[in-house]
Every structure is written in C-alpha cells, then in structure tokens.
Amino acid sequence: MSNGLIVSISGPSGVGKGTVIAKLREMLPDCGQSISVTSRAPRGTEQDGVEYYFRTREEFEKLIAEGEIIEYDQYVGNYYGTPLTPLLTMSRGGENVLLDLTVAGSLALKEKFDETVTIFLLPPSMTELQNRLTGRGTEKEDVIEQRMANARGEIESAPKFDYVVTNRTVEQAAEEIAAIMLAESCRYQRRSDAVETLLAK
C-alpha cells in the first residue's frame, strides 16, 4: 500500500483555510487532518485537540527539543508547528492528510518531505481579505493592520508552491483542491505497482 498524500494548504491570515479544509473533509470524509500545535490562546469556542493543540510557550519549546515538531514558525508573537507522530501514522496507513500551515511551515515541510503537495490559497482581493479579518471581530485594529502587512509578503511566496487556488467561495476552492488531490493520486509514482503487476503477468 502506498503512503497517503500529504497536502499542505497555506495563505494569508483570514483567507479561509480552516473553512475550506472543513468543507474538503465533508467532501472527502476518509481524509485525515493534521492538527497544528500553537502557543497562542484559544479564540472563542476553540477546543484543545480540535482546532489546535494548545500548549504554553515552555511546553512548545520542549516539543521542539524532543524532535516531536517537524516544522514550526512564529507568527504575531506565537509559535505554530506540526507534530511528527500523528502525521506519519496517518500517511503510512494510506490516509491522505490535510495540513493548515503558515507559508514558512509549508515550505519547510516540503524540504523535509519532498512528496508533500503544497497549495497556496489566495483571497479574491486585498479588500476582501481585510473585510474577512475585520468581520471576525476577534482582533484589534493594530493586529489587523499587521496581518495585512504580513499578507502581502506571504503572497509574494506563492510562486514557491505547487498550486494556487483563489478562495472566491468555499465550495469552489474545496472542489479545486479535491481535483488537485485526485490528479496527484494518479501520478505514475503512486500507480507504479499497478503497471508492474500488469507487466509481470
């Protein structure tokens, strides 16, 4: 059995990564999701082990030292990282895995696992991105301004990704990513066993 796909989705804060991934998991219920670890405090109704694994800064640094974090980044003063064990367990079991990572996180993961499929999620416009951030109602104006400034720099990294999808609607973005995953699963490297089996007969 071949390993499952490792699909890492990135984009600026407020672009809708979490919502698109949730829609994808509705469409592809057999797909797993790697939950990130963060040192930031939960927002609203977020729960530990659901949206993120919430850890203190000291606990996060201990995980780094133990080699349990594949990649990590600091964003607006908080750590975000990908735990090693759950990702490997899912992928080696043949399960496709979705990740919601920072831009730097996706690129670091690609360096360590070359088979990672990286997708950059774009907003329809910068105005729409700002409206989405403001609409959350969870952050002060100065934090939103910082996120908008960061967004421009992150979008400049889009050429380093395998695919780019614009999130005009959640359904459209999820359908495009599902199509990418189907195409990736049909690559020769993933279907070579079928070819070899036929030729051996």
Protein backbone atom coordinates (compact mmCIF):
# COMPACT_ATOMS: atom_id res chain seq x y z
CA MET A 1 0.00 0.00 0.00
CA SER A 2 1.36 3.41 -0.93
CA ASN A 3 1.52 6.23 1.56
CA GLY A 4 -1.33 8.71 1.62
CA LEU A 5 -0.96 12.22 0.20
CA ILE A 6 0.41 14.94 2.47
CA VAL A 7 -1.38 18.13 1.34
CA SER A 8 -0.32 21.41 2.94
CA ILE A 9 -2.58 24.45 2.48
CA SER A 10 -1.25 27.93 3.23
CA GLY A 11 -2.25 31.52 2.68
CA PRO A 12 -2.58 34.81 4.50
CA SER A 13 -4.46 35.04 7.78
CA GLY A 14 -8.19 35.45 7.13
CA VAL A 15 -8.15 33.80 3.69
CA GLY A 16 -10.36 30.96 4.95
CA LYS A 17 -8.02 27.99 5.15
CA GLY A 18 -9.83 26.39 8.09
CA THR A 19 -13.26 26.76 6.48
CA VAL A 20 -12.06 25.35 3.14
CA ILE A 21 -10.40 22.40 4.87
CA ALA A 22 -13.59 21.70 6.84
CA LYS A 23 -15.54 21.66 3.54
CA LEU A 24 -12.94 19.36 1.97
CA ARG A 25 -13.32 16.93 4.85
CA GLU A 26 -17.09 16.91 4.29
CA MET A 27 -16.45 16.06 0.62
CA LEU A 28 -13.64 13.58 1.40
CA PRO A 29 -14.57 12.03 4.77
CA ASP A 30 -11.73 9.50 4.60
CA CYS A 31 -9.21 12.36 4.62
CA GLY A 32 -7.34 13.00 7.84
CA GLN A 33 -6.28 16.36 9.19
CA SER A 34 -3.02 17.06 10.92
CA ILE A 35 -3.76 19.40 13.83
CA SER A 36 -1.11 22.02 14.50
CA VAL A 37 0.33 22.87 17.89
CA THR A 38 0.32 26.54 18.92
CA SER A 39 1.37 28.62 21.89
CA ARG A 40 -1.40 31.18 21.29
CA ALA A 41 -4.50 31.26 23.47
CA PRO A 42 -7.75 29.70 22.17
CA ARG A 43 -10.20 32.05 20.39
CA GLY A 44 -13.91 31.93 21.05
CA THR A 45 -15.12 28.32 21.23
CA GLU A 46 -11.85 26.72 20.04
CA GLN A 47 -11.00 23.49 21.86
CA ASP A 48 -7.70 21.75 22.53
CA GLY A 49 -7.21 18.86 20.10
CA VAL A 50 -9.91 20.11 17.73
CA GLU A 51 -8.75 23.35 16.08
CA TYR A 52 -5.23 23.19 17.57
CA TYR A 53 -3.24 21.54 20.33
CA PHE A 54 -2.85 24.50 22.68
CA ARG A 55 0.40 24.47 24.66
CA THR A 56 2.33 27.02 26.68
CA ARG A 57 5.45 28.55 25.16
CA GLU A 58 7.59 26.41 27.50
CA GLU A 59 5.74 23.21 26.52
CA PHE A 60 6.14 24.05 22.82
CA GLU A 61 9.89 24.60 23.21
CA LYS A 62 10.17 21.22 24.99
CA LEU A 63 8.45 19.52 21.99
CA ILE A 64 10.96 21.19 19.64
CA ALA A 65 13.88 19.94 21.77
CA GLU A 66 12.45 16.40 21.73
CA GLY A 67 12.22 16.41 17.90
CA GLU A 68 8.44 15.99 18.02
CA ILE A 69 7.83 19.12 15.88
CA ILE A 70 8.51 18.66 12.14
CA GLU A 71 8.43 22.37 11.40
CA TYR A 72 7.46 25.46 13.28
CA ASP A 73 7.19 29.17 12.81
CA GLN A 74 6.48 32.24 14.90
CA TYR A 75 3.62 34.45 13.78
CA VAL A 76 2.45 37.59 15.58
CA GLY A 77 4.45 36.51 18.64
CA ASN A 78 3.16 32.91 18.86
CA TYR A 79 4.59 29.52 17.89
CA TYR A 80 2.78 27.32 15.34
CA GLY A 81 4.10 23.85 14.50
CA THR A 82 3.33 20.42 13.07
CA PRO A 83 3.59 17.37 15.36
CA LEU A 84 5.51 14.46 13.81
CA THR A 85 3.83 11.31 15.13
CA PRO A 86 0.18 11.87 14.07
CA LEU A 87 1.23 12.90 10.53
CA LEU A 88 3.40 9.83 9.95
CA THR A 89 0.82 7.48 11.44
CA MET A 90 -1.90 8.72 9.07
CA SER A 91 0.24 8.89 5.91
CA ARG A 92 1.91 5.50 6.41
CA GLY A 93 -1.52 3.99 6.98
CA GLY A 94 -2.50 5.11 3.45
CA GLU A 95 -4.62 8.03 4.66
CA ASN A 96 -4.50 11.36 2.82
CA VAL A 97 -3.63 14.12 5.28
CA LEU A 98 -4.58 17.81 5.09
CA LEU A 99 -2.49 20.43 6.85
CA ASP A 100 -3.26 24.08 7.57
CA LEU A 101 0.21 25.65 7.82
CA THR A 102 1.87 29.03 7.70
CA VAL A 103 3.67 29.83 4.44
CA ALA A 104 7.06 29.18 6.04
CA GLY A 105 5.68 25.98 7.55
CA SER A 106 4.57 24.57 4.18
CA LEU A 107 7.92 25.34 2.58
CA ALA A 108 9.81 23.76 5.49
CA LEU A 109 7.62 20.65 5.34
CA LYS A 110 8.26 20.35 1.57
CA GLU A 111 12.00 20.42 2.25
CA LYS A 112 11.73 17.53 4.72
CA PHE A 113 9.09 15.51 2.82
CA ASP A 114 9.54 16.10 -0.91
CA GLU A 115 6.27 14.28 -1.70
CA THR A 116 4.29 16.99 0.13
CA VAL A 117 1.77 18.76 -2.16
CA THR A 118 1.73 22.49 -1.37
CA ILE A 119 -1.27 24.68 -2.19
CA PHE A 120 -1.42 28.47 -1.74
CA LEU A 121 -4.89 29.84 -1.03
CA LEU A 122 -5.43 33.39 -2.30
CA PRO A 123 -8.19 35.86 -1.36
CA PRO A 124 -10.26 37.28 -4.24
CA SER A 125 -8.81 40.73 -3.42
CA MET A 126 -6.90 42.51 -0.65
CA THR A 127 -10.07 44.46 0.21
CA GLU A 128 -11.99 41.22 0.71
CA LEU A 129 -9.17 39.87 2.88
CA GLN A 130 -9.33 42.94 5.13
CA ASN A 131 -13.13 42.63 5.35
CA ARG A 132 -12.79 38.98 6.44
CA LEU A 133 -10.25 39.86 9.13
CA THR A 134 -12.40 42.71 10.42
CA GLY A 135 -15.52 40.54 10.30
CA ARG A 136 -14.01 38.04 12.75
CA GLY A 137 -14.35 40.63 15.49
CA THR A 138 -11.60 38.88 17.47
CA GLU A 139 -8.65 41.23 16.96
CA LYS A 140 -7.79 44.88 17.47
CA GLU A 141 -7.21 47.23 14.55
CA ASP A 142 -3.42 47.32 15.00
CA VAL A 143 -3.25 43.49 14.83
CA ILE A 144 -5.38 43.51 11.65
CA GLU A 145 -3.02 46.09 10.11
CA GLN A 146 -0.06 43.87 10.99
CA ARG A 147 -1.78 40.83 9.42
CA MET A 148 -2.49 42.81 6.23
CA ALA A 149 1.16 43.88 6.01
CA ASN A 150 2.23 40.26 6.54
CA ALA A 151 -0.26 39.09 3.88
CA ARG A 152 1.48 40.98 1.08
CA GLY A 153 4.81 39.38 1.93
CA GLU A 154 3.22 35.94 2.14
CA ILE A 155 1.50 36.30 -1.26
CA GLU A 156 4.93 37.04 -2.76
CA SER A 157 5.86 33.46 -1.78
CA ALA A 158 3.04 31.92 -3.87
CA PRO A 159 5.40 31.04 -6.79
CA LYS A 160 7.22 28.61 -4.48
CA PHE A 161 4.07 26.48 -4.10
CA ASP A 162 2.94 23.61 -6.35
CA TYR A 163 -0.58 25.02 -6.85
CA VAL A 164 -2.52 28.25 -6.34
CA VAL A 165 -6.28 28.35 -5.62
CA THR A 166 -8.32 31.54 -5.21
CA ASN A 167 -10.95 31.26 -2.48
CA ARG A 168 -13.89 33.01 -4.18
CA THR A 169 -16.34 30.66 -2.48
CA VAL A 170 -15.69 27.84 -0.03
CA GLU A 171 -17.33 25.27 -2.34
CA GLN A 172 -15.32 26.31 -5.41
CA ALA A 173 -12.00 26.35 -3.53
CA ALA A 174 -12.67 22.95 -1.95
CA GLU A 175 -13.64 21.44 -5.32
CA GLU A 176 -10.42 22.71 -6.93
CA ILE A 177 -8.29 21.28 -4.13
CA ALA A 178 -10.14 17.94 -4.35
CA ALA A 179 -9.34 17.89 -8.10
CA ILE A 180 -5.67 18.55 -7.34
CA MET A 181 -5.63 15.67 -4.86
CA LEU A 182 -7.23 13.31 -7.39
CA ALA A 183 -4.64 14.25 -10.03
CA GLU A 184 -1.78 13.82 -7.56
CA SER A 185 -3.04 10.37 -6.56
CA CYS A 186 -2.86 9.35 -10.25
CA ARG A 187 0.83 10.24 -10.66
CA TYR A 188 2.92 7.38 -12.04
CA GLN A 189 4.99 7.18 -8.84
CA ARG A 190 1.81 6.36 -6.91
CA ARG A 191 0.43 3.92 -9.50
CA SER A 192 3.67 2.19 -10.48
CA ASP A 193 2.68 -1.01 -8.63
CA ALA A 194 -0.37 -1.39 -10.90
CA VAL A 195 1.81 -1.05 -14.01
CA GLU A 196 4.40 -3.53 -12.73
CA THR A 197 1.70 -6.04 -11.76
CA LEU A 198 0.25 -6.00 -15.29
CA LEU A 199 3.65 -6.35 -16.94
CA ALA A 200 4.60 -9.25 -14.67
CA LYS A 201 1.69 -11.38 -15.95
